PDB file of all heavy atoms in Angstrom:
ATOM      1  N   LEU A   1     118.557 227.767 313.632  1.00  0.00           N
ATOM      2  CA  LEU A   1     117.822 228.101 312.408  1.00  0.00           C
ATOM      3  C   LEU A   1     116.324 227.927 312.603  1.00  0.00           C
ATOM      4  O   LEU A   1     115.524 228.781 312.197  1.00  0.00           O
ATOM      5  CB  LEU A   1     118.299 227.212 311.251  1.00  0.00           C
ATOM      6  CG  LEU A   1     119.765 227.320 310.839  1.00  0.00           C
ATOM      7  CD1 LEU A   1     120.053 226.383 309.684  1.00  0.00           C
ATOM      8  CD2 LEU A   1     120.112 228.749 310.445  1.00  0.00           C
ATOM      9  N   VAL A   2     115.945 226.819 313.219  1.00  0.00           N
ATOM     10  CA  VAL A   2     114.519 226.536 313.417  1.00  0.00           C
ATOM     11  C   VAL A   2     113.889 227.584 314.326  1.00  0.00           C
ATOM     12  O   VAL A   2     112.771 228.047 314.089  1.00  0.00           O
ATOM     13  CB  VAL A   2     114.316 225.114 313.984  1.00  0.00           C
ATOM     14  CG1 VAL A   2     112.864 224.901 314.408  1.00  0.00           C
ATOM     15  CG2 VAL A   2     114.705 224.074 312.938  1.00  0.00           C
ATOM     16  N   THR A   3     114.630 227.995 315.365  1.00  0.00           N
ATOM     17  CA  THR A   3     114.118 229.044 316.258  1.00  0.00           C
ATOM     18  C   THR A   3     113.917 230.349 315.490  1.00  0.00           C
ATOM     19  O   THR A   3     112.893 231.018 315.655  1.00  0.00           O
ATOM     20  CB  THR A   3     115.084 229.275 317.439  1.00  0.00           C
ATOM     21  OG1 THR A   3     115.163 228.076 318.202  1.00  0.00           O
ATOM     22  CG2 THR A   3     114.590 230.395 318.336  1.00  0.00           C
ATOM     23  N   SER A   4     114.884 230.693 314.649  1.00  0.00           N
ATOM     24  CA  SER A   4     114.768 231.922 313.850  1.00  0.00           C
ATOM     25  C   SER A   4     113.544 231.872 312.949  1.00  0.00           C
ATOM     26  O   SER A   4     112.826 232.864 312.795  1.00  0.00           O
ATOM     27  CB  SER A   4     116.019 232.124 312.991  1.00  0.00           C
ATOM     28  OG  SER A   4     117.144 232.359 313.799  1.00  0.00           O
ATOM     29  N   MET A   5     113.294 230.703 312.373  1.00  0.00           N
ATOM     30  CA  MET A   5     112.160 230.578 311.449  1.00  0.00           C
ATOM     31  C   MET A   5     110.831 230.515 312.196  1.00  0.00           C
ATOM     32  O   MET A   5     109.882 231.226 311.865  1.00  0.00           O
ATOM     33  CB  MET A   5     112.337 229.330 310.572  1.00  0.00           C
ATOM     34  CG  MET A   5     113.403 229.497 309.507  1.00  0.00           C
ATOM     35  SD  MET A   5     113.436 228.152 308.302  1.00  0.00           S
ATOM     36  CE  MET A   5     114.422 226.942 309.176  1.00  0.00           C
ATOM     37  N   LYS A   6     110.771 229.661 313.204  1.00  0.00           N
ATOM     38  CA  LYS A   6     109.493 229.432 313.893  1.00  0.00           C
ATOM     39  C   LYS A   6     109.089 230.594 314.789  1.00  0.00           C
ATOM     40  O   LYS A   6     107.995 231.149 314.663  1.00  0.00           O
ATOM     41  CB  LYS A   6     109.586 228.166 314.757  1.00  0.00           C
ATOM     42  CG  LYS A   6     109.245 226.888 314.034  1.00  0.00           C
ATOM     43  CD  LYS A   6     109.163 225.748 315.041  1.00  0.00           C
ATOM     44  CE  LYS A   6     108.697 224.479 314.351  1.00  0.00           C
ATOM     45  NZ  LYS A   6     108.607 223.353 315.302  1.00  0.00           N
ATOM     46  N   GLU A   7     109.959 230.950 315.724  1.00  0.00           N
ATOM     47  CA  GLU A   7     109.569 231.909 316.757  1.00  0.00           C
ATOM     48  C   GLU A   7     109.618 233.352 316.284  1.00  0.00           C
ATOM     49  O   GLU A   7     108.817 234.178 316.706  1.00  0.00           O
ATOM     50  CB  GLU A   7     110.440 231.715 318.002  1.00  0.00           C
ATOM     51  CG  GLU A   7     110.218 230.351 318.650  1.00  0.00           C
ATOM     52  CD  GLU A   7     110.957 230.220 319.968  1.00  0.00           C
ATOM     53  OE1 GLU A   7     111.407 231.247 320.513  1.00  0.00           O
ATOM     54  OE2 GLU A   7     111.104 229.077 320.427  1.00  0.00           O
ATOM     55  N   HIS A   8     110.575 233.670 315.399  1.00  0.00           N
ATOM     56  CA  HIS A   8     110.697 235.053 314.947  1.00  0.00           C
ATOM     57  C   HIS A   8     109.828 235.352 313.733  1.00  0.00           C
ATOM     58  O   HIS A   8     109.271 236.436 313.610  1.00  0.00           O
ATOM     59  CB  HIS A   8     112.161 235.376 314.614  1.00  0.00           C
ATOM     60  CG  HIS A   8     113.060 235.282 315.809  1.00  0.00           C
ATOM     61  ND1 HIS A   8     114.416 235.048 315.701  1.00  0.00           N
ATOM     62  CD2 HIS A   8     112.799 235.367 317.134  1.00  0.00           C
ATOM     63  CE1 HIS A   8     114.957 235.007 316.915  1.00  0.00           C
ATOM     64  NE2 HIS A   8     113.986 235.190 317.793  1.00  0.00           N
ATOM     65  N   GLN A   9     109.725 234.376 312.820  1.00  0.00           N
ATOM     66  CA  GLN A   9     109.054 234.643 311.545  1.00  0.00           C
ATOM     67  C   GLN A   9     107.766 233.858 311.342  1.00  0.00           C
ATOM     68  O   GLN A   9     107.057 234.077 310.364  1.00  0.00           O
ATOM     69  CB  GLN A   9     110.013 234.335 310.387  1.00  0.00           C
ATOM     70  CG  GLN A   9     111.257 235.201 310.362  1.00  0.00           C
ATOM     71  CD  GLN A   9     110.942 236.674 310.340  1.00  0.00           C
ATOM     72  OE1 GLN A   9     111.398 237.428 311.174  1.00  0.00           O
ATOM     73  NE2 GLN A   9     110.119 237.096 309.394  1.00  0.00           N
ATOM     74  N   ARG A  10     107.472 232.910 312.216  1.00  0.00           N
ATOM     75  CA  ARG A  10     106.280 232.052 312.087  1.00  0.00           C
ATOM     76  C   ARG A  10     106.334 231.230 310.787  1.00  0.00           C
ATOM     77  O   ARG A  10     105.347 231.091 310.081  1.00  0.00           O
ATOM     78  CB  ARG A  10     104.972 232.875 312.115  1.00  0.00           C
ATOM     79  CG  ARG A  10     104.892 233.920 313.214  1.00  0.00           C
ATOM     80  CD  ARG A  10     104.922 233.316 314.605  1.00  0.00           C
ATOM     81  NE  ARG A  10     104.672 234.311 315.636  1.00  0.00           N
ATOM     82  CZ  ARG A  10     105.615 235.001 316.275  1.00  0.00           C
ATOM     83  NH1 ARG A  10     106.891 234.820 315.942  1.00  0.00           N
ATOM     84  NH2 ARG A  10     105.315 235.864 317.225  1.00  0.00           N
ATOM     85  N   TYR A  11     107.536 230.687 310.491  1.00  0.00           N
ATOM     86  CA  TYR A  11     107.703 229.830 309.321  1.00  0.00           C
ATOM     87  C   TYR A  11     107.801 228.372 309.773  1.00  0.00           C
ATOM     88  O   TYR A  11     108.275 228.082 310.873  1.00  0.00           O
ATOM     89  CB  TYR A  11     109.002 230.155 308.558  1.00  0.00           C
ATOM     90  CG  TYR A  11     109.112 231.540 307.993  1.00  0.00           C
ATOM     91  CD1 TYR A  11     110.360 232.071 307.673  1.00  0.00           C
ATOM     92  CD2 TYR A  11     107.986 232.329 307.748  1.00  0.00           C
ATOM     93  CE1 TYR A  11     110.496 233.344 307.142  1.00  0.00           C
ATOM     94  CE2 TYR A  11     108.114 233.607 307.217  1.00  0.00           C
ATOM     95  CZ  TYR A  11     109.366 234.103 306.920  1.00  0.00           C
ATOM     96  OH  TYR A  11     109.491 235.367 306.396  1.00  0.00           O
ATOM     97  N   PHE A  12     107.401 227.457 308.885  1.00  0.00           N
ATOM     98  CA  PHE A  12     107.578 226.025 309.119  1.00  0.00           C
ATOM     99  C   PHE A  12     108.856 225.580 308.414  1.00  0.00           C
ATOM    100  O   PHE A  12     109.070 225.922 307.248  1.00  0.00           O
ATOM    101  CB  PHE A  12     106.384 225.234 308.570  1.00  0.00           C
ATOM    102  CG  PHE A  12     105.070 225.606 309.225  1.00  0.00           C
ATOM    103  CD1 PHE A  12     104.224 226.525 308.632  1.00  0.00           C
ATOM    104  CD2 PHE A  12     104.703 225.037 310.447  1.00  0.00           C
ATOM    105  CE1 PHE A  12     103.015 226.879 309.229  1.00  0.00           C
ATOM    106  CE2 PHE A  12     103.495 225.381 311.044  1.00  0.00           C
ATOM    107  CZ  PHE A  12     102.658 226.308 310.449  1.00  0.00           C
ATOM    108  N   GLU A  13     109.679 224.801 309.120  1.00  0.00           N
ATOM    109  CA  GLU A  13     110.912 224.348 308.483  1.00  0.00           C
ATOM    110  C   GLU A  13     110.635 223.186 307.540  1.00  0.00           C
ATOM    111  O   GLU A  13     109.604 222.514 307.641  1.00  0.00           O
ATOM    112  CB  GLU A  13     111.960 223.955 309.534  1.00  0.00           C
ATOM    113  CG  GLU A  13     111.793 222.581 310.142  1.00  0.00           C
ATOM    114  CD  GLU A  13     111.000 222.576 311.450  1.00  0.00           C
ATOM    115  OE1 GLU A  13     110.186 223.488 311.657  1.00  0.00           O
ATOM    116  OE2 GLU A  13     111.199 221.640 312.235  1.00  0.00           O
ATOM    117  N   VAL A  14     111.581 222.934 306.648  1.00  0.00           N
ATOM    118  CA  VAL A  14     111.448 221.908 305.619  1.00  0.00           C
ATOM    119  C   VAL A  14     112.630 220.938 305.729  1.00  0.00           C
ATOM    120  O   VAL A  14     113.765 221.362 305.924  1.00  0.00           O
ATOM    121  CB  VAL A  14     111.431 222.571 304.216  1.00  0.00           C
ATOM    122  CG1 VAL A  14     111.537 221.532 303.123  1.00  0.00           C
ATOM    123  CG2 VAL A  14     110.157 223.393 304.039  1.00  0.00           C
ATOM    124  N   ARG A  15     112.348 219.621 305.603  1.00  0.00           N
ATOM    125  CA  ARG A  15     113.407 218.609 305.700  1.00  0.00           C
ATOM    126  C   ARG A  15     113.337 217.640 304.524  1.00  0.00           C
ATOM    127  O   ARG A  15     112.341 217.587 303.799  1.00  0.00           O
ATOM    128  CB  ARG A  15     113.273 217.831 307.019  1.00  0.00           C
ATOM    129  CG  ARG A  15     113.419 218.704 308.259  1.00  0.00           C
ATOM    130  CD  ARG A  15     113.235 217.926 309.554  1.00  0.00           C
ATOM    131  NE  ARG A  15     113.302 218.819 310.705  1.00  0.00           N
ATOM    132  CZ  ARG A  15     114.425 219.190 311.298  1.00  0.00           C
ATOM    133  NH1 ARG A  15     115.581 218.706 310.860  1.00  0.00           N
ATOM    134  NH2 ARG A  15     114.412 220.024 312.320  1.00  0.00           N
ATOM    135  N   ASN A  16     114.428 216.864 304.354  1.00  0.00           N
ATOM    136  CA  ASN A  16     114.397 215.795 303.347  1.00  0.00           C
ATOM    137  C   ASN A  16     113.938 214.500 304.020  1.00  0.00           C
ATOM    138  O   ASN A  16     113.648 214.484 305.224  1.00  0.00           O
ATOM    139  CB  ASN A  16     115.758 215.644 302.657  1.00  0.00           C
ATOM    140  CG  ASN A  16     116.860 215.223 303.636  1.00  0.00           C
ATOM    141  OD1 ASN A  16     116.591 214.754 304.743  1.00  0.00           O
ATOM    142  ND2 ASN A  16     118.106 215.388 303.229  1.00  0.00           N
ATOM    143  N   ASP A  17     113.901 213.413 303.245  1.00  0.00           N
ATOM    144  CA  ASP A  17     113.372 212.163 303.801  1.00  0.00           C
ATOM    145  C   ASP A  17     114.308 211.529 304.828  1.00  0.00           C
ATOM    146  O   ASP A  17     113.933 210.564 305.505  1.00  0.00           O
ATOM    147  CB  ASP A  17     113.023 211.164 302.694  1.00  0.00           C
ATOM    148  CG  ASP A  17     114.188 210.922 301.739  1.00  0.00           C
ATOM    149  OD1 ASP A  17     115.306 211.414 302.011  1.00  0.00           O
ATOM    150  OD2 ASP A  17     113.985 210.254 300.712  1.00  0.00           O
ATOM    151  N   GLN A  18     115.535 212.083 304.959  1.00  0.00           N
ATOM    152  CA  GLN A  18     116.437 211.622 306.022  1.00  0.00           C
ATOM    153  C   GLN A  18     116.315 212.474 307.289  1.00  0.00           C
ATOM    154  O   GLN A  18     117.016 212.266 308.278  1.00  0.00           O
ATOM    155  CB  GLN A  18     117.904 211.655 305.554  1.00  0.00           C
ATOM    156  CG  GLN A  18     118.356 210.396 304.833  1.00  0.00           C
ATOM    157  CD  GLN A  18     118.053 210.475 303.352  1.00  0.00           C
ATOM    158  OE1 GLN A  18     118.359 211.475 302.700  1.00  0.00           O
ATOM    159  NE2 GLN A  18     117.438 209.432 302.819  1.00  0.00           N
ATOM    160  N   GLY A  19     115.430 213.463 307.227  1.00  0.00           N
ATOM    161  CA  GLY A  19     115.225 214.315 308.397  1.00  0.00           C
ATOM    162  C   GLY A  19     116.188 215.480 308.481  1.00  0.00           C
ATOM    163  O   GLY A  19     116.206 216.201 309.478  1.00  0.00           O
ATOM    164  N   MET A  20     116.985 215.688 307.426  1.00  0.00           N
ATOM    165  CA  MET A  20     117.952 216.793 307.446  1.00  0.00           C
ATOM    166  C   MET A  20     117.278 218.093 307.001  1.00  0.00           C
ATOM    167  O   MET A  20     116.472 218.099 306.060  1.00  0.00           O
ATOM    168  CB  MET A  20     119.137 216.481 306.528  1.00  0.00           C
ATOM    169  CG  MET A  20     119.973 215.317 307.014  1.00  0.00           C
ATOM    170  SD  MET A  20     121.301 214.917 305.854  1.00  0.00           S
ATOM    171  CE  MET A  20     122.294 216.407 305.952  1.00  0.00           C
ATOM    172  N   LEU A  21     117.643 219.181 307.667  1.00  0.00           N
ATOM    173  CA  LEU A  21     117.075 220.488 307.366  1.00  0.00           C
ATOM    174  C   LEU A  21     117.485 220.946 305.970  1.00  0.00           C
ATOM    175  O   LEU A  21     118.640 220.809 305.577  1.00  0.00           O
ATOM    176  CB  LEU A  21     117.558 221.504 308.413  1.00  0.00           C
ATOM    177  CG  LEU A  21     116.752 222.792 308.561  1.00  0.00           C
ATOM    178  CD1 LEU A  21     115.344 222.488 309.059  1.00  0.00           C
ATOM    179  CD2 LEU A  21     117.459 223.730 309.539  1.00  0.00           C
ATOM    180  N   LEU A  22     116.535 221.496 305.224  1.00  0.00           N
ATOM    181  CA  LEU A  22     116.803 222.019 303.882  1.00  0.00           C
ATOM    182  C   LEU A  22     116.699 223.548 303.900  1.00  0.00           C
ATOM    183  O   LEU A  22     116.033 224.119 304.759  1.00  0.00           O
ATOM    184  CB  LEU A  22     115.780 221.443 302.890  1.00  0.00           C
ATOM    185  CG  LEU A  22     115.829 219.929 302.658  1.00  0.00           C
ATOM    186  CD1 LEU A  22     114.671 219.490 301.768  1.00  0.00           C
ATOM    187  CD2 LEU A  22     117.162 219.510 302.045  1.00  0.00           C
ATOM    188  N   PRO A  23     117.355 224.215 302.929  1.00  0.00           N
ATOM    189  CA  PRO A  23     117.361 225.693 302.919  1.00  0.00           C
ATOM    190  C   PRO A  23     116.080 226.300 302.330  1.00  0.00           C
ATOM    191  O   PRO A  23     116.107 227.108 301.407  1.00  0.00           O
ATOM    192  CB  PRO A  23     118.584 226.030 302.058  1.00  0.00           C
ATOM    193  CG  PRO A  23     118.682 224.891 301.108  1.00  0.00           C
ATOM    194  CD  PRO A  23     118.229 223.672 301.857  1.00  0.00           C
ATOM    195  N   HIS A  24     114.937 225.862 302.864  1.00  0.00           N
ATOM    196  CA  HIS A  24     113.645 226.363 302.411  1.00  0.00           C
ATOM    197  C   HIS A  24     112.739 226.555 303.623  1.00  0.00           C
ATOM    198  O   HIS A  24     113.028 226.050 304.711  1.00  0.00           O
ATOM    199  CB  HIS A  24     112.968 225.386 301.438  1.00  0.00           C
ATOM    200  CG  HIS A  24     113.878 224.833 300.390  1.00  0.00           C
ATOM    201  ND1 HIS A  24     114.400 225.598 299.373  1.00  0.00           N
ATOM    202  CD2 HIS A  24     114.376 223.574 300.215  1.00  0.00           C
ATOM    203  CE1 HIS A  24     115.172 224.855 298.602  1.00  0.00           C
ATOM    204  NE2 HIS A  24     115.183 223.616 299.102  1.00  0.00           N
ATOM    205  N   PHE A  25     111.639 227.247 303.434  1.00  0.00           N
ATOM    206  CA  PHE A  25     110.653 227.405 304.501  1.00  0.00           C
ATOM    207  C   PHE A  25     109.266 227.518 303.893  1.00  0.00           C
ATOM    208  O   PHE A  25     109.106 227.791 302.702  1.00  0.00           O
ATOM    209  CB  PHE A  25     110.964 228.646 305.359  1.00  0.00           C
ATOM    210  CG  PHE A  25     110.872 229.949 304.606  1.00  0.00           C
ATOM    211  CD1 PHE A  25     109.661 230.632 304.497  1.00  0.00           C
ATOM    212  CD2 PHE A  25     112.000 230.503 304.006  1.00  0.00           C
ATOM    213  CE1 PHE A  25     109.575 231.833 303.793  1.00  0.00           C
ATOM    214  CE2 PHE A  25     111.927 231.701 303.301  1.00  0.00           C
ATOM    215  CZ  PHE A  25     110.707 232.372 303.201  1.00  0.00           C
ATOM    216  N   ILE A  26     108.259 227.286 304.718  1.00  0.00           N
ATOM    217  CA  ILE A  26     106.867 227.412 304.284  1.00  0.00           C
ATOM    218  C   ILE A  26     106.166 228.399 305.203  1.00  0.00           C
ATOM    219  O   ILE A  26     106.364 228.374 306.413  1.00  0.00           O
ATOM    220  CB  ILE A  26     106.153 226.039 304.306  1.00  0.00           C
ATOM    221  CG1 ILE A  26     106.645 225.177 303.135  1.00  0.00           C
ATOM    222  CG2 ILE A  26     104.640 226.185 304.259  1.00  0.00           C
ATOM    223  CD1 ILE A  26     106.064 223.778 303.100  1.00  0.00           C
ATOM    224  N   SER A  27     105.371 229.287 304.609  1.00  0.00           N
ATOM    225  CA  SER A  27     104.653 230.273 305.407  1.00  0.00           C
ATOM    226  C   SER A  27     103.282 230.533 304.774  1.00  0.00           C
ATOM    227  O   SER A  27     102.963 229.967 303.725  1.00  0.00           O
ATOM    228  CB  SER A  27     105.455 231.579 305.488  1.00  0.00           C
ATOM    229  OG  SER A  27     104.818 232.489 306.370  1.00  0.00           O
ATOM    230  N   ALA A  28     102.478 231.366 305.428  1.00  0.00           N
ATOM    231  CA  ALA A  28     101.151 231.700 304.893  1.00  0.00           C
ATOM    232  C   ALA A  28     100.964 233.204 304.910  1.00  0.00           C
ATOM    233  O   ALA A  28     101.262 233.864 305.907  1.00  0.00           O
ATOM    234  CB  ALA A  28     100.059 231.022 305.714  1.00  0.00           C
ATOM    235  N   ARG A  29     100.475 233.751 303.819  1.00  0.00           N
ATOM    236  CA  ARG A  29     100.170 235.181 303.762  1.00  0.00           C
ATOM    237  C   ARG A  29      98.674 235.369 303.983  1.00  0.00           C
ATOM    238  O   ARG A  29      97.880 234.455 303.753  1.00  0.00           O
ATOM    239  CB  ARG A  29     100.572 235.784 302.414  1.00  0.00           C
ATOM    240  CG  ARG A  29      99.541 235.537 301.322  1.00  0.00           C
ATOM    241  CD  ARG A  29      99.851 236.215 300.006  1.00  0.00           C
ATOM    242  NE  ARG A  29      99.715 237.661 300.044  1.00  0.00           N
ATOM    243  CZ  ARG A  29      99.707 238.438 298.967  1.00  0.00           C
ATOM    244  NH1 ARG A  29      99.841 237.908 297.763  1.00  0.00           N
ATOM    245  NH2 ARG A  29      99.593 239.734 299.057  1.00  0.00           N
ATOM    246  N   ASN A  30      98.296 236.559 304.403  1.00  0.00           N
ATOM    247  CA  ASN A  30      96.880 236.886 304.552  1.00  0.00           C
ATOM    248  C   ASN A  30      96.409 237.555 303.266  1.00  0.00           C
ATOM    249  O   ASN A  30      96.413 238.773 303.143  1.00  0.00           O
ATOM    250  CB  ASN A  30      96.676 237.822 305.749  1.00  0.00           C
ATOM    251  CG  ASN A  30      95.203 238.124 305.970  1.00  0.00           C
ATOM    252  OD1 ASN A  30      94.344 237.348 305.586  1.00  0.00           O
ATOM    253  ND2 ASN A  30      94.907 239.265 306.575  1.00  0.00           N
ATOM    254  N   GLY A  31      96.027 236.738 302.279  1.00  0.00           N
ATOM    255  CA  GLY A  31      95.622 237.273 300.991  1.00  0.00           C
ATOM    256  C   GLY A  31      95.614 236.202 299.923  1.00  0.00           C
ATOM    257  O   GLY A  31      95.781 235.018 300.223  1.00  0.00           O
ATOM    258  N   ASP A  32      95.472 236.618 298.667  1.00  0.00           N
ATOM    259  CA  ASP A  32      95.422 235.655 297.568  1.00  0.00           C
ATOM    260  C   ASP A  32      96.806 235.486 296.933  1.00  0.00           C
ATOM    261  O   ASP A  32      97.812 235.867 297.523  1.00  0.00           O
ATOM    262  CB  ASP A  32      94.375 236.086 296.535  1.00  0.00           C
ATOM    263  CG  ASP A  32      94.636 237.480 295.983  1.00  0.00           C
ATOM    264  OD1 ASP A  32      95.753 238.017 296.210  1.00  0.00           O
ATOM    265  OD2 ASP A  32      93.745 238.042 295.312  1.00  0.00           O
ATOM    266  N   ARG A  33      96.835 234.948 295.730  1.00  0.00           N
ATOM    267  CA  ARG A  33      98.115 234.641 295.090  1.00  0.00           C
ATOM    268  C   ARG A  33      98.640 235.798 294.226  1.00  0.00           C
ATOM    269  O   ARG A  33      99.708 235.693 293.632  1.00  0.00           O
ATOM    270  CB  ARG A  33      97.986 233.385 294.218  1.00  0.00           C
ATOM    271  CG  ARG A  33      97.427 232.170 294.961  1.00  0.00           C
ATOM    272  CD  ARG A  33      97.666 230.881 294.203  1.00  0.00           C
ATOM    273  NE  ARG A  33      99.062 230.509 294.261  1.00  0.00           N
ATOM    274  CZ  ARG A  33      99.637 229.884 295.292  1.00  0.00           C
ATOM    275  NH1 ARG A  33      98.918 229.578 296.348  1.00  0.00           N
ATOM    276  NH2 ARG A  33     100.917 229.582 295.267  1.00  0.00           N
ATOM    277  N   VAL A  34      97.904 236.894 294.142  1.00  0.00           N
ATOM    278  CA  VAL A  34      98.335 238.033 293.325  1.00  0.00           C
ATOM    279  C   VAL A  34      99.633 238.623 293.881  1.00  0.00           C
ATOM    280  O   VAL A  34      99.750 238.873 295.077  1.00  0.00           O
ATOM    281  CB  VAL A  34      97.227 239.119 293.271  1.00  0.00           C
ATOM    282  CG1 VAL A  34      97.728 240.353 292.538  1.00  0.00           C
ATOM    283  CG2 VAL A  34      95.980 238.564 292.596  1.00  0.00           C
ATOM    284  N   LYS A  35     100.607 238.811 293.012  1.00  0.00           N
ATOM    285  CA  LYS A  35     101.926 239.361 293.386  1.00  0.00           C
ATOM    286  C   LYS A  35     102.592 238.545 294.503  1.00  0.00           C
ATOM    287  O   LYS A  35     103.341 239.093 295.311  1.00  0.00           O
ATOM    288  CB  LYS A  35     101.796 240.825 293.831  1.00  0.00           C
ATOM    289  CG  LYS A  35     101.224 241.764 292.786  1.00  0.00           C
ATOM    290  CD  LYS A  35     102.223 242.047 291.687  1.00  0.00           C
ATOM    291  CE  LYS A  35     101.698 243.099 290.724  1.00  0.00           C
ATOM    292  NZ  LYS A  35     102.592 243.301 289.570  1.00  0.00           N
ATOM    293  N   LEU A  36     102.308 237.250 294.522  1.00  0.00           N
ATOM    294  CA  LEU A  36     102.848 236.398 295.583  1.00  0.00           C
ATOM    295  C   LEU A  36     104.377 236.365 295.566  1.00  0.00           C
ATOM    296  O   LEU A  36     105.025 236.240 296.603  1.00  0.00           O
ATOM    297  CB  LEU A  36     102.283 234.978 295.455  1.00  0.00           C
ATOM    298  CG  LEU A  36     102.518 234.031 296.636  1.00  0.00           C
ATOM    299  CD1 LEU A  36     101.902 234.581 297.912  1.00  0.00           C
ATOM    300  CD2 LEU A  36     101.942 232.649 296.336  1.00  0.00           C
TER     301      LEU A  36
END
């Protein structure tokens, strides 16, 4: 999952305080918040 997110999509993975992977991701767009 992490490879799919990081290497293919350039996303950062998200975990809980126990270090377990959560079904979310963080990314950055080139632009403002309009129609985000």
